[in-house]
Amino acid sequence: MMLRFLIAAAVLGGLLFGPPSPAAAREMEDMNIAVLRTIDKISARTSTFEVPVGKTVKFGSSLFIKARACRQASPMEKQESAAFLQIWERKPDEEKSHWVFSGWMFASNPSLSAMDHPVYDVWVIDCKNSVTSEKSQEFSSEKTPEGNPATAPAAAPAQEAPEPEGD
């Protein structure tokens, strides 16, 4: 008798309150500027600069960074910024570029999707909609490298640079 009562209560509770709702996806707003911080591990020099979405900048002597997207959580959510970056390297003595990183980087957890490079590190700091830096940025016409960026490992003042060949 008690077992029937417990089963009936569980069924009635399920009908009244319904199944648990799935976690809501976080709403992210598209921004047009990615704020990045870089470090040259040899000189220990750090730089913070802004990269407009769709533009390519050169860092150091051989690294090129292109911001493909930058998103920020709505003000009502926990603070989070994420940028989809494509990073490649073309050494001065080499004609072809090669992929170093292609993927999302998160400001709140840089190690979640980090770039692996022996000399440079890059982190996302923020995403925003207006340029606040007084430094003028020079953008690059460097072409993206040939090949699939999915094969890339998952990591000086900025200036414009050519993309490696092929998209």
Protein backbone atom coordinates (compact mmCIF):
# COMPACT_ATOMS: atom_id res chain seq x y z
CA MET A 1 0.00 0.00 0.00
CA MET A 2 2.80 2.39 0.93
CA LEU A 3 4.65 1.53 -2.28
CA ARG A 4 1.59 2.47 -4.38
CA PHE A 5 1.35 5.77 -2.54
CA LEU A 6 5.04 6.60 -3.24
CA ILE A 7 4.72 5.69 -6.92
CA ALA A 8 1.55 7.78 -7.28
CA ALA A 9 3.25 10.74 -5.55
CA ALA A 10 6.27 10.48 -7.85
CA VAL A 11 4.10 10.31 -10.98
CA LEU A 12 1.93 13.22 -9.81
CA GLY A 13 5.02 15.27 -8.93
CA GLY A 14 6.48 14.61 -12.37
CA LEU A 15 3.25 15.67 -14.05
CA LEU A 16 2.94 18.86 -12.00
CA PHE A 17 6.53 20.03 -12.15
CA GLY A 18 7.59 18.39 -15.41
CA PRO A 19 11.01 17.07 -16.25
CA PRO A 20 13.99 19.19 -15.28
CA SER A 21 14.67 21.81 -17.92
CA PRO A 22 17.96 21.63 -19.82
CA ALA A 23 20.57 24.25 -19.02
CA ALA A 24 20.04 27.37 -21.08
CA ALA A 25 22.78 28.23 -23.55
CA ARG A 26 24.72 31.34 -22.71
CA GLU A 27 23.75 34.32 -24.86
CA MET A 28 26.82 35.93 -26.43
CA GLU A 29 26.88 39.23 -28.31
CA ASP A 30 29.11 39.74 -31.36
CA MET A 31 31.73 42.44 -30.88
CA ASN A 32 34.01 43.95 -33.51
CA ILE A 33 37.28 44.32 -31.55
CA ALA A 34 39.36 41.59 -29.87
CA VAL A 35 41.70 42.76 -27.11
CA LEU A 36 44.72 40.45 -26.99
CA ARG A 37 47.77 40.17 -24.77
CA THR A 38 50.97 38.65 -26.09
CA ILE A 39 54.33 37.79 -24.61
CA ASP A 40 57.70 37.21 -26.22
CA LYS A 41 59.15 34.48 -23.98
CA ILE A 42 62.74 35.29 -24.97
CA SER A 43 62.68 39.01 -24.14
CA ALA A 44 59.81 38.75 -21.57
CA ARG A 45 58.16 41.68 -23.36
CA THR A 46 54.37 41.82 -23.14
CA SER A 47 52.01 43.77 -25.36
CA THR A 48 48.31 44.43 -25.20
CA PHE A 49 46.64 45.47 -28.43
CA GLU A 50 43.32 45.53 -30.24
CA VAL A 51 42.56 43.57 -33.41
CA PRO A 52 39.41 44.40 -35.38
CA VAL A 53 37.48 41.29 -36.46
CA GLY A 54 38.53 40.37 -39.99
CA LYS A 55 41.93 42.10 -39.78
CA THR A 56 45.39 40.55 -39.50
CA VAL A 57 48.21 41.91 -37.34
CA LYS A 58 51.86 40.92 -37.10
CA PHE A 59 53.45 40.25 -33.73
CA GLY A 60 57.20 39.93 -33.35
CA SER A 61 59.21 39.02 -36.40
CA SER A 62 57.14 36.13 -37.70
CA LEU A 63 53.72 35.64 -36.08
CA PHE A 64 50.46 36.72 -37.73
CA ILE A 65 47.15 36.91 -35.84
CA LYS A 66 43.71 37.20 -37.45
CA ALA A 67 40.56 37.66 -35.37
CA ARG A 68 37.66 35.90 -37.13
CA ALA A 69 35.03 36.52 -34.40
CA CYS A 70 34.83 38.03 -30.93
CA ARG A 71 31.90 37.48 -28.58
CA GLN A 72 31.03 38.67 -25.12
CA ALA A 73 28.42 37.47 -22.63
CA SER A 74 25.50 39.79 -22.02
CA PRO A 75 25.88 42.11 -19.01
CA MET A 76 23.37 40.01 -17.04
CA GLU A 77 25.55 36.88 -17.35
CA LYS A 78 28.88 36.01 -15.76
CA GLN A 79 31.61 38.02 -17.48
CA GLU A 80 33.10 36.08 -20.42
CA SER A 81 34.80 36.99 -23.68
CA ALA A 82 35.78 34.55 -26.40
CA ALA A 83 37.53 35.09 -29.72
CA PHE A 84 38.04 32.82 -32.71
CA LEU A 85 41.66 33.39 -33.71
CA GLN A 86 43.77 32.09 -36.55
CA ILE A 87 47.49 32.34 -35.91
CA TRP A 88 50.26 31.39 -38.31
CA GLU A 89 53.97 31.88 -38.62
CA ARG A 90 56.18 32.82 -41.52
CA LYS A 91 59.84 32.95 -40.59
CA PRO A 92 61.90 35.59 -42.45
CA ASP A 93 64.01 32.95 -44.19
CA GLU A 94 61.02 30.84 -45.28
CA GLU A 95 58.73 31.45 -48.24
CA LYS A 96 55.70 29.51 -46.94
CA SER A 97 53.65 30.10 -43.82
CA HIS A 98 52.42 27.37 -41.47
CA TRP A 99 49.54 27.21 -39.00
CA VAL A 100 50.26 27.59 -35.30
CA PHE A 101 46.70 27.84 -33.91
CA SER A 102 43.12 28.04 -35.14
CA GLY A 103 40.23 28.02 -32.68
CA TRP A 104 38.36 29.71 -29.86
CA MET A 105 40.23 31.27 -26.95
CA PHE A 106 38.41 32.21 -23.74
CA ALA A 107 39.36 35.15 -21.53
CA SER A 108 38.18 33.45 -18.34
CA ASN A 109 40.21 30.28 -18.95
CA PRO A 110 43.18 30.80 -21.32
CA SER A 111 44.53 27.29 -20.73
CA LEU A 112 41.31 25.72 -22.03
CA SER A 113 42.41 26.35 -25.61
CA ALA A 114 45.99 27.61 -25.61
CA MET A 115 48.43 28.27 -28.41
CA ASP A 116 51.56 26.12 -28.26
CA HIS A 117 54.56 28.08 -29.54
CA PRO A 118 58.19 28.04 -28.32
CA VAL A 119 58.63 31.85 -28.42
CA TYR A 120 55.21 33.54 -28.21
CA ASP A 121 52.03 33.27 -26.14
CA VAL A 122 48.71 34.93 -27.01
CA TRP A 123 45.67 35.41 -24.73
CA VAL A 124 42.24 36.96 -25.19
CA ILE A 125 41.62 39.72 -22.65
CA ASP A 126 38.30 41.18 -23.79
CA CYS A 127 35.93 41.85 -26.69
CA LYS A 128 34.40 45.24 -27.36
CA ASN A 129 32.79 47.41 -30.00
CA SER A 130 35.03 50.47 -30.11
CA VAL A 131 38.74 51.13 -30.30
CA THR A 132 40.07 52.78 -27.14
CA SER A 133 43.78 52.47 -27.74
CA GLU A 134 45.52 55.65 -28.78
CA LYS A 135 48.18 53.66 -30.62
CA SER A 136 47.45 53.40 -34.30
CA GLN A 137 47.45 49.85 -35.61
CA GLU A 138 49.00 48.84 -38.88
CA PHE A 139 47.25 45.93 -40.52
CA SER A 140 48.77 43.23 -42.64
CA SER A 141 47.92 41.88 -46.04
CA GLU A 142 49.57 38.51 -45.20
CA LYS A 143 47.61 35.62 -46.71
CA THR A 144 46.48 32.73 -44.49
CA PRO A 145 48.53 29.52 -44.87
CA GLU A 146 47.55 26.78 -47.24
CA GLY A 147 45.95 23.69 -45.80
CA ASN A 148 43.37 22.99 -43.18
CA PRO A 149 43.69 25.12 -40.03
CA ALA A 150 42.19 22.20 -38.11
CA THR A 151 45.63 20.61 -38.28
CA ALA A 152 47.09 23.54 -36.34
CA PRO A 153 48.02 22.82 -32.74
CA ALA A 154 45.33 23.95 -30.35
CA ALA A 155 48.35 28.66 -28.98
CA ALA A 156 56.44 43.75 -30.67
CA PRO A 157 53.70 46.12 -31.37
CA ALA A 158 51.03 44.78 -33.57
CA GLN A 159 51.23 45.59 -37.22
CA GLU A 160 49.47 44.49 -40.36
CA ALA A 161 50.77 41.36 -42.06
CA PRO A 162 49.97 39.14 -45.06
CA GLU A 163 47.87 36.01 -44.47
CA PRO A 164 49.23 32.56 -45.35
CA GLU A 165 48.00 31.25 -48.66
CA GLY A 166 44.58 29.51 -48.85
CA ASP A 167 41.59 29.85 -46.53
